[in-house]
Protein backbone atom coordinates (compact mmCIF):
# COMPACT_ATOMS: atom_id res chain seq x y z
CA MET A 1 0.28 -0.02 -0.23
CA SER A 2 2.83 2.73 0.45
CA MET A 3 2.46 3.16 -3.45
CA ASP A 4 -1.28 3.76 -3.68
CA ASN A 5 -0.88 7.16 -4.26
CA LEU A 6 1.67 6.74 -7.58
CA ARG A 7 -0.42 3.78 -8.45
CA PHE A 8 -3.42 5.80 -8.77
CA GLY A 9 -1.85 8.54 -10.64
CA LEU A 10 -0.35 5.65 -13.01
CA PHE A 11 -4.05 4.77 -13.36
CA CYS A 12 -5.46 8.01 -13.81
CA ALA A 13 -2.73 8.16 -16.42
CA LEU A 14 -4.05 5.17 -18.33
CA GLY A 15 -7.56 6.07 -18.06
CA VAL A 16 -7.03 9.15 -19.55
CA VAL A 17 -5.03 7.11 -22.48
CA CYS A 18 -8.03 4.66 -22.60
CA PHE A 19 -10.41 7.60 -23.29
CA PHE A 20 -8.42 9.07 -26.63
CA LEU A 21 -7.82 5.67 -27.82
CA TRP A 22 -11.51 5.24 -27.35
CA GLN A 23 -11.86 8.67 -29.33
CA ALA A 24 -9.33 7.46 -31.99
CA TRP A 25 -11.25 4.71 -32.21
CA GLN A 26 -14.47 6.06 -32.75
CA GLN A 27 -13.02 8.57 -35.85
CA ASP A 28 -11.38 5.46 -37.43
CA TYR A 29 -14.00 2.83 -37.03
CA ALA A 30 -17.30 4.66 -36.50
CA ASP A 31 -17.09 6.96 -39.16
CA THR A 32 -16.48 4.56 -42.32
CA ALA A 33 -19.27 6.13 -44.61
CA THR A 34 -16.85 7.69 -47.39
CA PRO A 35 -16.86 5.91 -49.70
CA ALA A 36 -13.59 5.79 -52.86
CA GLN A 37 -14.77 7.28 -56.04
CA THR A 38 -14.37 5.06 -58.68
CA SER A 39 -14.91 8.19 -61.74
CA ALA A 40 -15.74 11.77 -61.78
CA PRO A 41 -12.56 13.25 -59.56
CA ALA A 42 -14.13 16.71 -60.68
CA GLY A 43 -17.35 18.14 -61.67
CA GLN A 44 -20.73 17.71 -59.26
CA PRO A 45 -22.79 14.56 -58.59
CA VAL A 46 -25.90 13.71 -59.81
CA ASP A 47 -28.84 12.58 -57.95
CA ASP A 48 -31.79 10.40 -59.04
CA ASP A 49 -33.56 11.22 -56.30
CA ASP A 50 -35.01 14.21 -55.05
CA LEU A 51 -36.79 16.23 -52.08
CA PRO A 52 -39.55 14.34 -50.28
CA SER A 53 -43.14 14.05 -51.22
CA PHE A 54 -44.54 17.46 -50.99
CA ASP A 55 -47.61 15.99 -50.74
CA ALA A 56 -46.78 15.64 -46.73
CA ALA A 57 -45.89 19.53 -46.33
CA PRO A 58 -48.00 20.95 -43.56
CA ARG A 59 -50.70 22.99 -44.60
CA GLN A 60 -50.67 26.78 -43.19
CA GLN A 61 -53.28 27.37 -40.92
CA THR A 62 -55.52 30.43 -41.97
CA ASP A 63 -58.92 31.47 -41.77
CA ASP A 64 -58.75 32.72 -45.49
CA ALA A 65 -60.89 30.55 -47.58
CA THR A 66 -59.12 30.10 -50.53
CA SER A 67 -56.44 28.21 -48.72
CA GLN A 68 -59.32 25.39 -48.43
CA ALA A 69 -59.54 25.28 -51.90
CA ALA A 70 -58.66 21.81 -53.34
CA ALA A 71 -55.05 21.29 -54.82
CA GLY A 72 -53.62 19.15 -57.10
CA PRO A 73 -50.24 17.38 -56.63
CA MET A 74 -47.53 18.94 -55.82
CA GLU A 75 -44.66 18.94 -57.95
CA ALA A 76 -41.32 18.12 -56.92
CA PRO A 77 -38.36 19.79 -58.83
CA ALA A 78 -36.37 18.13 -61.55
CA SER A 79 -33.28 16.11 -61.03
CA ASP A 80 -29.95 18.46 -61.31
CA ALA A 81 -28.41 18.62 -64.60
CA PRO A 82 -24.94 17.51 -64.61
CA SER A 83 -23.75 21.32 -65.17
CA ARG A 84 -24.93 24.84 -64.42
CA ASN A 85 -24.67 27.25 -66.91
CA GLY A 86 -26.76 30.44 -65.63
CA GLN A 87 -25.16 33.91 -65.26
CA VAL A 88 -22.79 33.87 -61.82
CA ILE A 89 -23.40 36.75 -59.38
CA THR A 90 -20.59 37.59 -57.18
CA VAL A 91 -21.49 38.99 -53.33
CA VAL A 92 -18.57 40.46 -51.26
CA THR A 93 -19.20 40.80 -47.29
CA ASP A 94 -16.54 41.40 -44.90
CA ARG A 95 -17.25 37.75 -44.45
CA PHE A 96 -17.82 36.19 -47.34
CA ARG A 97 -17.09 36.15 -50.90
CA MET A 98 -19.61 34.02 -52.93
CA ARG A 99 -21.02 32.93 -56.07
CA ILE A 100 -24.61 32.67 -56.62
CA ASN A 101 -26.21 31.39 -59.83
CA THR A 102 -28.95 32.75 -61.92
CA LEU A 103 -29.85 28.91 -62.95
CA GLY A 104 -31.84 27.80 -59.76
CA GLY A 105 -30.99 31.33 -57.81
CA VAL A 106 -28.22 29.04 -55.47
CA ILE A 107 -25.32 29.37 -53.66
CA GLU A 108 -22.81 27.56 -55.22
CA GLN A 109 -19.79 28.56 -53.52
CA ALA A 110 -18.49 30.73 -50.20
CA GLU A 111 -15.13 31.62 -49.29
CA LEU A 112 -14.77 32.66 -46.05
CA ILE A 113 -12.93 35.34 -45.47
CA GLY A 114 -9.96 35.89 -43.05
CA VAL A 115 -10.66 32.13 -42.42
CA PRO A 116 -7.58 30.16 -43.82
CA ALA A 117 -7.84 26.97 -45.88
CA HIS A 118 -4.36 25.62 -43.85
CA ALA A 119 -1.95 26.56 -41.19
CA ASP A 120 0.20 29.46 -41.88
CA SER A 121 3.55 27.89 -43.00
CA GLY A 122 5.51 31.07 -41.81
CA SER A 123 6.52 31.59 -45.58
CA ASP A 124 5.43 35.00 -47.43
CA ASP A 125 2.94 32.79 -48.89
CA LYS A 126 -0.60 33.14 -46.85
CA SER A 127 -3.02 30.35 -46.90
CA PRO A 128 -6.02 31.09 -49.35
CA ASN A 129 -9.76 31.47 -47.86
CA LEU A 130 -11.13 28.32 -46.92
CA ARG A 131 -14.02 27.68 -49.33
CA LEU A 132 -16.90 25.65 -47.24
CA LEU A 133 -19.64 26.29 -50.00
CA ASN A 134 -18.33 24.23 -53.26
CA ASN A 135 -20.19 22.94 -56.46
CA GLN A 136 -16.69 21.02 -57.40
CA LEU A 137 -16.13 17.29 -55.91
CA PRO A 138 -14.52 16.19 -53.99
CA ASN A 139 -15.57 18.85 -51.31
CA PHE A 140 -19.01 19.19 -52.84
CA PHE A 141 -21.14 21.53 -50.58
CA VAL A 142 -24.44 23.82 -51.86
CA VAL A 143 -27.47 25.11 -50.50
CA GLN A 144 -30.45 24.67 -52.89
CA ASN A 145 -33.54 26.41 -52.63
CA GLY A 146 -36.78 27.37 -54.39
CA LEU A 147 -41.23 26.73 -54.55
CA VAL A 148 -43.15 23.88 -55.05
CA GLY A 149 -46.66 23.70 -56.01
CA GLN A 150 -49.21 23.74 -58.64
CA GLY A 151 -48.38 24.11 -61.97
CA GLU A 152 -45.62 26.20 -62.94
CA THR A 153 -43.42 26.86 -60.16
CA PRO A 154 -39.78 27.97 -59.47
CA ASP A 155 -37.51 25.31 -58.29
CA HIS A 156 -33.56 25.11 -58.11
CA ASN A 157 -33.77 24.89 -61.83
CA SER A 158 -35.26 27.58 -63.02
CA THR A 159 -33.62 30.80 -64.15
CA TYR A 160 -33.97 33.59 -62.70
CA GLN A 161 -32.73 37.00 -64.14
CA ALA A 162 -30.67 39.49 -62.08
CA ASP A 163 -29.92 42.80 -62.59
CA ARG A 164 -26.37 43.29 -61.80
CA SER A 165 -23.32 40.81 -61.72
CA GLN A 166 -21.55 42.23 -58.76
CA TYR A 167 -22.58 43.12 -55.06
CA ARG A 168 -20.27 44.30 -51.95
CA LEU A 169 -21.01 45.30 -48.27
CA ALA A 170 -19.79 48.63 -48.19
CA GLU A 171 -18.28 49.96 -44.87
CA GLY A 172 -21.44 51.44 -42.60
CA GLU A 173 -23.90 49.64 -44.49
CA ASP A 174 -26.36 47.46 -42.00
CA LYS A 175 -27.60 45.26 -44.67
CA LEU A 176 -26.97 43.84 -48.66
CA VAL A 177 -29.81 42.87 -50.43
CA VAL A 178 -29.79 40.60 -53.94
CA PRO A 179 -32.61 40.04 -55.39
CA LEU A 180 -33.19 37.50 -58.02
CA THR A 181 -36.69 37.36 -60.22
CA TRP A 182 -38.15 34.78 -61.81
CA THR A 183 -41.30 35.35 -63.77
CA GLY A 184 -43.72 32.71 -65.24
CA ALA A 185 -45.65 32.09 -68.39
CA ASP A 186 -49.10 32.65 -66.19
CA GLY A 187 -48.69 36.09 -64.91
CA ARG A 188 -47.15 34.40 -61.78
CA GLN A 189 -43.93 36.51 -60.31
CA VAL A 190 -41.35 35.36 -57.82
CA THR A 191 -38.30 37.42 -56.69
CA LYS A 192 -35.77 35.75 -54.34
CA ARG A 193 -33.97 37.72 -52.13
CA TYR A 194 -30.34 36.94 -50.06
CA THR A 195 -29.46 39.08 -47.20
CA PHE A 196 -26.28 39.68 -45.60
CA TYR A 197 -25.24 41.06 -42.98
CA PRO A 198 -21.92 43.09 -41.57
CA ASP A 199 -19.86 40.98 -39.38
CA SER A 200 -21.96 38.07 -39.27
CA TYR A 201 -22.52 34.53 -41.17
CA ARG A 202 -26.35 34.62 -40.53
CA ILE A 203 -27.79 35.00 -44.38
CA GLY A 204 -31.23 35.93 -44.74
CA LEU A 205 -33.59 34.20 -47.37
CA SER A 206 -37.21 34.96 -48.46
CA HIS A 207 -39.38 34.49 -52.29
CA ASP A 208 -41.95 37.33 -52.37
CA ILE A 209 -44.81 35.31 -54.49
CA ARG A 210 -46.83 37.62 -56.52
CA ASN A 211 -50.22 35.53 -58.31
CA GLY A 212 -51.19 37.66 -61.38
CA ALA A 213 -53.09 34.24 -62.56
CA GLY A 214 -57.11 33.84 -62.20
CA GLU A 215 -56.75 30.90 -59.80
CA PRO A 216 -54.96 30.18 -56.34
CA TRP A 217 -51.64 29.49 -56.24
CA GLU A 218 -50.63 26.96 -53.74
CA VAL A 219 -46.67 26.62 -52.78
CA SER A 220 -44.39 25.93 -50.23
CA GLN A 221 -40.87 26.92 -49.73
CA TYR A 222 -38.02 24.25 -49.29
CA LEU A 223 -34.27 24.96 -48.32
CA ARG A 224 -31.72 22.26 -48.30
CA PHE A 225 -28.00 21.96 -48.21
CA TRP A 226 -26.05 18.74 -50.29
CA ARG A 227 -22.97 17.61 -49.68
CA THR A 228 -20.59 14.81 -50.48
CA PRO A 229 -18.75 13.07 -47.73
CA TYR A 230 -15.30 14.77 -47.25
CA SER A 231 -12.01 14.71 -44.77
CA PRO A 232 -9.64 17.54 -45.32
CA GLY A 233 -6.27 16.26 -45.78
CA GLY A 234 -3.78 16.09 -42.13
CA SER A 235 -6.19 15.12 -39.97
CA VAL A 236 -5.02 14.80 -36.24
CA PRO A 237 -5.32 11.63 -35.10
CA PHE A 238 -7.60 11.35 -31.41
CA VAL A 239 -9.39 14.29 -32.68
CA GLN A 240 -13.07 13.09 -34.07
CA GLN A 241 -14.24 15.03 -36.83
CA PHE A 242 -17.70 14.64 -36.98
CA MET A 243 -19.75 14.86 -40.30
CA GLY A 244 -23.22 14.35 -40.43
CA VAL A 245 -26.66 15.87 -39.46
CA ALA A 246 -28.10 17.52 -36.51
CA TRP A 247 -31.11 18.98 -35.69
CA TYR A 248 -33.07 20.77 -32.69
CA ASP A 249 -35.84 18.73 -31.71
CA GLN A 250 -38.89 19.13 -30.21
CA LYS A 251 -39.45 17.54 -27.36
CA GLU A 252 -43.36 16.28 -27.56
CA GLU A 253 -45.88 18.00 -30.36
CA GLY A 254 -46.58 21.61 -29.34
CA SER A 255 -44.16 22.02 -26.65
CA ALA A 256 -41.63 24.71 -26.31
CA ASP A 257 -39.08 22.40 -25.65
CA TYR A 258 -36.24 21.30 -27.63
CA LYS A 259 -33.19 18.83 -27.35
CA PHE A 260 -29.98 18.64 -29.51
CA GLU A 261 -29.99 15.20 -31.73
CA LYS A 262 -27.42 14.32 -34.26
CA LEU A 263 -26.71 11.71 -37.16
CA ASP A 264 -23.55 10.82 -38.62
CA ILE A 265 -23.28 9.52 -41.98
CA ASP A 266 -23.90 5.37 -41.04
CA ASP A 267 -26.80 6.35 -38.99
CA LEU A 268 -28.65 8.41 -41.68
CA THR A 269 -27.83 5.71 -44.07
CA GLU A 270 -29.75 3.19 -41.70
CA ALA A 271 -32.37 5.65 -40.41
CA PRO A 272 -33.39 9.06 -42.53
CA LEU A 273 -34.61 11.61 -40.72
CA GLN A 274 -38.28 13.03 -41.09
CA ALA A 275 -40.00 14.99 -38.69
CA GLN A 276 -42.68 17.65 -38.53
CA GLN A 277 -42.62 20.46 -35.86
CA SER A 278 -42.73 24.24 -35.23
CA GLY A 279 -39.42 26.01 -34.93
CA GLY A 280 -35.95 24.59 -34.50
CA TRP A 281 -33.10 23.62 -37.30
CA LEU A 282 -31.37 21.29 -38.99
CA SER A 283 -27.99 21.71 -39.74
CA LEU A 284 -25.22 19.59 -42.09
CA MET A 285 -21.90 19.69 -39.58
CA GLN A 286 -18.30 19.54 -40.39
CA HIS A 287 -16.40 19.56 -37.46
CA TYR A 288 -15.30 22.90 -37.29
CA PHE A 289 -18.27 24.26 -39.44
CA LEU A 290 -21.62 23.96 -40.29
CA GLY A 291 -24.43 24.79 -42.49
CA ALA A 292 -28.00 25.40 -41.10
CA VAL A 293 -31.40 25.70 -42.25
CA ILE A 294 -33.78 27.70 -39.89
CA PRO A 295 -37.24 28.53 -40.38
CA PRO A 296 -39.07 31.10 -38.59
CA ALA A 297 -39.81 29.58 -35.21
CA ASP A 298 -43.43 29.84 -35.18
CA GLU A 299 -44.00 27.68 -38.49
CA THR A 300 -44.61 24.18 -38.68
CA VAL A 301 -41.98 22.66 -40.92
CA SER A 302 -41.21 18.93 -42.35
CA TYR A 303 -37.57 18.47 -41.53
CA PHE A 304 -35.62 15.49 -43.51
CA ALA A 305 -32.36 14.67 -44.02
CA LYS A 306 -31.28 11.20 -46.34
CA PRO A 307 -28.57 10.01 -48.34
CA LYS A 308 -28.55 10.88 -51.98
CA SER A 309 -28.81 8.16 -54.78
CA VAL A 310 -26.02 7.63 -56.61
CA ARG A 311 -26.41 8.16 -60.61
CA GLY A 312 -23.07 6.38 -62.29
CA SER A 313 -20.19 6.35 -60.59
CA ALA A 314 -20.24 9.62 -58.58
CA GLU A 315 -20.72 9.47 -55.02
CA ALA A 316 -24.16 11.81 -54.76
CA GLY A 317 -23.39 12.10 -51.09
CA PHE A 318 -26.26 12.87 -48.25
CA SER A 319 -29.05 16.02 -48.00
CA GLY A 320 -30.90 17.49 -45.41
CA GLY A 321 -33.16 20.48 -45.31
CA TYR A 322 -36.89 21.45 -44.67
CA VAL A 323 -40.09 21.99 -46.73
CA SER A 324 -42.73 24.83 -45.19
CA ALA A 325 -46.03 25.01 -44.74
CA ARG A 326 -48.05 25.21 -47.89
CA ARG A 327 -49.46 28.84 -48.74
CA SER A 328 -52.40 29.69 -50.68
CA VAL A 329 -51.67 32.74 -52.77
CA ALA A 330 -55.16 34.33 -53.89
CA PRO A 331 -55.17 35.73 -57.60
CA GLY A 332 -53.65 39.43 -57.43
CA ALA A 333 -52.00 39.01 -54.36
CA THR A 334 -48.71 38.83 -52.84
CA GLU A 335 -47.26 36.79 -50.14
CA THR A 336 -43.41 36.28 -48.60
CA ILE A 337 -42.34 33.42 -46.99
CA THR A 338 -39.11 33.80 -45.20
CA ALA A 339 -35.79 32.10 -43.71
CA ASP A 340 -32.40 32.21 -42.47
CA LEU A 341 -29.05 30.53 -43.36
CA PHE A 342 -26.54 30.18 -41.13
CA VAL A 343 -23.09 29.19 -43.52
CA GLY A 344 -19.68 29.44 -41.54
CA PRO A 345 -17.43 28.43 -38.60
CA LYS A 346 -19.15 27.27 -35.22
CA VAL A 347 -18.29 30.64 -33.28
CA GLN A 348 -20.08 30.70 -29.99
CA ASP A 349 -21.71 33.91 -30.14
CA GLN A 350 -22.89 34.07 -33.41
CA LEU A 351 -24.54 30.51 -33.28
CA ALA A 352 -26.12 31.44 -29.99
CA ASP A 353 -27.41 34.91 -31.62
CA THR A 354 -28.59 33.40 -35.03
CA ALA A 355 -30.67 30.79 -33.26
CA PRO A 356 -31.89 29.16 -30.11
CA GLY A 357 -29.66 26.28 -29.25
CA LEU A 358 -28.08 26.12 -32.72
CA ASP A 359 -24.65 27.08 -29.75
CA LEU A 360 -25.10 22.97 -29.24
CA THR A 361 -23.15 22.07 -32.20
CA ILE A 362 -20.10 23.02 -30.59
CA ASP A 363 -21.09 19.99 -29.02
CA TYR A 364 -19.23 18.94 -25.62
CA GLY A 365 -20.86 16.08 -24.48
CA MET A 366 -21.65 15.35 -20.93
CA LEU A 367 -18.95 17.78 -19.81
CA THR A 368 -20.81 20.84 -21.01
CA VAL A 369 -21.56 22.17 -17.41
CA VAL A 370 -17.86 22.42 -17.01
CA SER A 371 -16.47 22.54 -20.78
CA ALA A 372 -18.62 25.97 -21.22
CA PRO A 373 -17.13 28.12 -18.30
CA LEU A 374 -13.49 26.84 -19.52
CA PHE A 375 -14.36 28.50 -22.37
CA TRP A 376 -15.29 31.21 -21.31
CA VAL A 377 -12.68 32.04 -19.39
CA LEU A 378 -10.16 31.42 -22.23
CA GLU A 379 -12.01 33.48 -24.63
CA LYS A 380 -11.95 36.16 -22.35
CA LEU A 381 -7.82 35.59 -21.54
CA HIS A 382 -7.55 35.66 -25.55
CA GLY A 383 -9.07 38.83 -25.88
CA LEU A 384 -6.71 39.91 -23.29
CA VAL A 385 -2.85 38.61 -24.44
CA GLY A 386 -4.34 38.24 -28.14
CA ASN A 387 -2.36 34.84 -28.21
CA TRP A 388 -4.68 31.17 -28.16
CA GLY A 389 -1.56 30.10 -26.46
CA VAL A 390 -0.62 32.20 -24.23
CA ALA A 391 -4.10 31.93 -22.83
CA ILE A 392 -4.15 28.33 -22.66
CA ILE A 393 -1.03 28.56 -20.51
CA LEU A 394 -3.08 31.91 -18.41
CA LEU A 395 -6.25 29.46 -17.96
CA THR A 396 -3.78 26.34 -16.45
CA VAL A 397 -2.58 28.83 -14.06
CA LEU A 398 -5.82 29.46 -13.23
CA ILE A 399 -7.05 26.30 -12.96
CA LYS A 400 -4.00 25.34 -10.48
CA ILE A 401 -4.63 28.45 -8.22
CA LEU A 402 -8.65 26.97 -8.21
CA PHE A 403 -7.64 23.40 -7.06
CA TYR A 404 -4.43 24.76 -5.26
CA LYS A 405 -6.07 23.38 -1.73
CA LEU A 406 -6.84 20.28 -3.40
CA SER A 407 -3.28 19.49 -4.06
CA GLU A 408 -1.92 20.38 -1.30
CA THR A 409 -4.18 17.84 0.51
CA GLN A 410 -2.77 15.22 -2.49
CA TYR A 411 0.50 16.63 -1.61
CA ARG A 412 0.78 16.19 2.28
CA ALA A 413 -0.66 12.69 1.81
CA MET A 414 2.20 11.86 -0.57
CA ALA A 415 5.28 13.31 1.63
CA ARG A 416 3.70 11.38 4.47
CA MET A 417 3.65 8.36 2.45
CA ARG A 418 7.02 9.19 1.69
CA LYS A 419 7.60 9.11 5.54
CA PHE A 420 6.31 5.72 5.73
CA GLY A 421 8.37 4.29 3.06
CA PRO A 422 11.37 2.67 5.04
CA ARG A 423 8.93 1.13 7.90
CA ILE A 424 6.64 -0.14 4.43
CA LYS A 425 9.64 -1.77 3.28
CA GLN A 426 10.47 -3.45 6.29
CA LEU A 427 6.86 -4.77 6.72
CA LYS A 428 7.40 -6.03 2.77
CA GLU A 429 10.08 -7.78 3.77
CA GLN A 430 9.38 -9.56 6.76
CA TYR A 431 5.80 -10.53 5.05
CA GLY A 432 6.33 -10.58 1.60
CA ASP A 433 5.60 -14.36 1.19
CA ASP A 434 1.81 -13.76 3.27
CA ARG A 435 -0.23 -11.52 1.24
CA GLU A 436 -2.92 -11.09 2.87
CA LYS A 437 -0.89 -10.45 6.41
CA LEU A 438 1.31 -7.87 4.50
CA GLN A 439 -1.97 -5.99 3.68
CA SER A 440 -3.16 -6.32 7.37
CA LYS A 441 -0.01 -5.01 9.12
CA MET A 442 0.12 -2.25 6.70
CA MET A 443 -3.52 -1.02 7.90
CA ASP A 444 -2.93 -1.48 11.40
CA LEU A 445 0.34 0.91 10.81
CA TYR A 446 -2.04 3.77 8.75
CA LYS A 447 -4.94 2.93 11.49
CA LYS A 448 -2.32 3.56 14.11
CA GLU A 449 -0.56 6.68 12.46
CA GLY A 450 -3.71 8.41 11.74
CA PHE A 451 -3.22 8.14 8.14
CA ASN A 452 -5.73 7.35 4.64
CA PRO A 453 -3.41 5.70 2.39
CA LEU A 454 -6.45 6.94 -0.45
CA GLY A 455 -6.41 10.86 1.13
CA GLY A 456 -4.05 11.56 -2.20
CA CYS A 457 -6.18 10.49 -4.79
CA TRP A 458 -9.70 12.12 -4.04
CA PRO A 459 -8.00 15.62 -5.07
CA MET A 460 -6.85 13.71 -8.37
CA LEU A 461 -9.82 12.22 -8.82
CA VAL A 462 -11.83 15.54 -9.00
CA GLN A 463 -9.42 17.24 -11.25
CA MET A 464 -9.53 14.92 -13.63
CA PRO A 465 -13.34 16.26 -15.14
CA VAL A 466 -11.43 19.31 -15.97
CA PHE A 467 -9.26 17.89 -17.92
CA ILE A 468 -11.32 16.14 -19.87
CA ALA A 469 -13.69 18.95 -20.59
CA LEU A 470 -10.24 20.78 -21.48
CA TYR A 471 -9.53 18.25 -24.30
CA TRP A 472 -13.33 18.74 -25.39
CA VAL A 473 -13.03 22.42 -25.80
CA LEU A 474 -9.68 22.31 -27.45
CA GLN A 475 -11.21 19.87 -29.74
CA GLU A 476 -14.64 21.54 -30.69
CA SER A 477 -13.39 25.03 -30.69
CA VAL A 478 -12.45 26.54 -34.05
CA GLU A 479 -11.13 29.63 -32.46
CA LEU A 480 -8.00 27.25 -32.03
CA ARG A 481 -8.22 26.38 -35.76
CA HIS A 482 -4.78 26.90 -37.28
CA ALA A 483 -4.17 29.48 -34.45
CA PRO A 484 -0.13 30.22 -33.95
CA PHE A 485 1.25 30.00 -30.56
CA ALA A 486 5.37 31.02 -31.25
CA LEU A 487 8.34 29.84 -32.63
CA TRP A 488 8.06 26.33 -34.44
CA ILE A 489 4.08 26.18 -33.33
CA ASN A 490 1.89 27.65 -36.03
CA ASP A 491 -1.37 25.23 -35.25
CA LEU A 492 -2.50 24.86 -32.07
CA SER A 493 -4.93 22.54 -33.79
CA ALA A 494 -2.38 20.05 -34.95
CA PRO A 495 0.81 18.37 -33.42
CA ASP A 496 3.83 19.78 -32.63
CA PRO A 497 5.37 19.02 -35.78
CA LEU A 498 9.34 18.98 -34.20
CA TYR A 499 7.86 17.18 -31.41
CA ILE A 500 9.29 18.69 -28.81
CA LEU A 501 6.27 20.05 -26.83
CA PRO A 502 5.56 15.94 -26.11
CA VAL A 503 9.04 15.73 -25.34
CA LEU A 504 9.27 18.01 -22.60
CA PHE A 505 5.94 16.68 -21.15
CA GLY A 506 8.05 13.54 -20.54
CA VAL A 507 11.09 14.94 -19.06
CA THR A 508 8.68 16.94 -16.75
CA MET A 509 6.72 13.84 -15.80
CA TRP A 510 10.19 11.69 -15.39
CA PHE A 511 10.89 14.71 -13.07
CA GLN A 512 8.07 14.73 -11.32
CA GLN A 513 7.79 10.78 -10.82
CA LYS A 514 11.52 10.87 -9.24
CA LEU A 515 10.03 14.20 -6.31
CA SER A 516 6.99 11.87 -5.90
CA SER A 517 8.61 8.26 -5.22
CA SER A 518 11.85 9.30 -3.64
CA SER A 519 12.18 7.03 -0.31
CA MET A 520 9.48 5.02 -1.24
CA ALA A 521 9.09 1.42 -1.93
CA MET A 522 8.81 -0.35 -4.81
CA ASP A 523 8.73 -3.50 -6.26
CA PRO A 524 10.27 -4.50 -9.74
CA MET A 525 6.93 -4.25 -11.33
CA GLN A 526 6.64 -0.36 -10.10
CA GLN A 527 9.65 0.24 -10.95
CA ARG A 528 9.30 -0.35 -14.89
CA MET A 529 5.90 0.93 -14.63
CA MET A 530 7.67 4.35 -13.71
CA GLN A 531 10.27 3.73 -16.05
CA ILE A 532 8.08 3.07 -18.96
CA MET A 533 5.21 5.85 -18.78
CA PRO A 534 7.19 8.87 -19.04
CA VAL A 535 8.26 7.25 -22.66
CA ALA A 536 4.95 6.12 -23.23
CA MET A 537 2.87 9.54 -22.61
CA ALA A 538 5.46 11.57 -24.65
CA VAL A 539 4.96 9.02 -27.92
CA PHE A 540 1.09 9.40 -27.09
CA PHE A 541 1.33 13.22 -26.83
CA ALA A 542 2.96 12.87 -30.11
CA PHE A 543 -0.18 12.80 -31.96
CA PHE A 544 -2.24 15.04 -29.68
CA PRO A 545 -3.11 18.86 -31.31
CA ALA A 546 -0.48 21.22 -29.71
CA GLY A 547 -2.46 23.07 -27.52
CA LEU A 548 -3.76 20.25 -25.54
CA VAL A 549 0.07 19.14 -24.95
CA LEU A 550 1.12 23.02 -24.41
CA TYR A 551 -1.80 22.32 -21.31
CA TRP A 552 -0.31 19.19 -19.89
CA LEU A 553 3.18 20.46 -20.29
CA THR A 554 2.21 23.59 -18.63
CA ASN A 555 -0.10 21.72 -15.63
CA SER A 556 3.17 19.21 -14.96
CA LEU A 557 5.44 22.17 -14.61
CA LEU A 558 3.21 24.07 -12.16
CA SER A 559 2.48 20.72 -10.22
CA ILE A 560 6.33 20.54 -9.63
CA ALA A 561 6.91 24.21 -8.95
CA GLN A 562 3.48 23.37 -6.28
CA GLN A 563 4.75 19.87 -5.13
CA TRP A 564 8.80 21.55 -4.69
CA TYR A 565 6.71 24.06 -2.65
CA ILE A 566 4.74 22.24 -0.20
CA TYR A 567 7.66 19.47 0.09
CA ARG A 568 9.59 22.08 1.03
CA LYS A 569 7.03 23.77 3.60
CA LEU A 570 6.09 20.51 5.08
CA ASP A 571 9.74 19.62 5.95
CA ASN A 572 10.18 23.02 7.60
CA GLU A 573 7.16 22.64 9.68
CA ALA A 574 9.15 19.53 10.85
CA LEU A 575 12.35 21.15 11.50
CA ALA A 576 9.98 23.45 13.48
CA GLN A 577 8.27 21.14 15.66
CA GLY A 578 11.47 19.44 16.35
CA ALA A 579 13.33 22.45 17.35
CA ALA A 580 9.77 23.10 19.80
CA ALA A 581 10.27 19.72 21.20
CA ARG A 582 13.86 19.87 22.62
């Protein structure tokens, strides 16, 4: 029992290793839905299916008698053509550089200004902006929208007209509106409007529907994202990069309570999503980024998410979105259907401001209650120092201060354990062949001395949720993506390219073990564990994001300083007590 504290610490380290190995297994084997492309390395995938049956779209509740008129079958849009040849409209804001195609009026490309595609190598060649939406393989990801209804109705294959080919949000403007107009042969007209806002990844969408025909026009709006599975190069081991669908699910029909749900690609293949509810949202997620469709909170809509079928040999991927309630537009009347989009990184404050619950796409798991405050503090520290690596170091210092008393209890227990080292070694030599007798004698010793051998274990156990919660913070926070620290560390979300941080951590772990185990009685197995663990952890951490290793290294250095200080303090207390006794 003389090594219980050390053994418990090793078990905790082993538990952390097992936790991250499980995360790696989840990444490598749970998300295996990305099939190899046998052809068509460039171009657009083509699907054979399309939106769900619009006969199932919820009917708008209204007192207008025209809404009760008998309706023919709702017509779904035709399948996508292999190529799109409409006019390209360029839209530039402080957050986006977009391409909107008048064929369908769809957003087919979106660059996120200021969000690099890869980490800065330190050379003069800066990283290009990340293209999140793209109409080309392999990372095909587009947003499509339109109307379905009786007779001729503009969908994502219809041709719109635009007044201009370029739009730019000027400094000081509160919004930028891009209108596209479709005119039918029977006097019906639809104006689609995209609205962009400064310093925002939210995009407003509206369809202004004017019925110039002589009979009611019953229509629904649909809005969907469609993408192919895509894994960007240089993925980090032990960092699970989720790709799939997430939505804000109404707990019960008519309830104001919602819950966050998500399905990866495998689950979506086995059980496509089909839900009808009021409010909420649906998104297609890609680790740090997402595209979300957000209908008006008071409107009942049909959400869907499903795999796309394949025509030929190109991978078609999966889609998700919603269909609005049917609207009956009387002859000569005009009606507007609105919605919102979110296209961008999972920036916490923008997600929360865009829609209730959208910030839950930053998924900290069961430890959200711990992770969320940790990120809040980390963000505030970054605001002070302007460097995420320095912010991680300062956060580690604050955590050590917060747990100082617990750590002091732990180190005091370890110091007392060192005091019992020679006596425990003597008991082992005397009763080494009788395990039960040895345990009994050791317990008698602890009882006589009034010492609890597990006293140093509980403080360590209490701190473990904080360590794991911080792991989730560093994994999920897009703010740390490609964030430089100093010198050779130009990306805190990627492993240390020179392996210096993992080696330093191994050295500090070895030194801390020496400090802890001095004068302790160890058997050969424990000695081997002591020798292997620093090397094993250094190799293990070589695959971890540099930001997480920086945290562990800082924590280890602070622990050494704290442990040395407390041991010295206890030694001085013992000397003072001895002097007083004389």
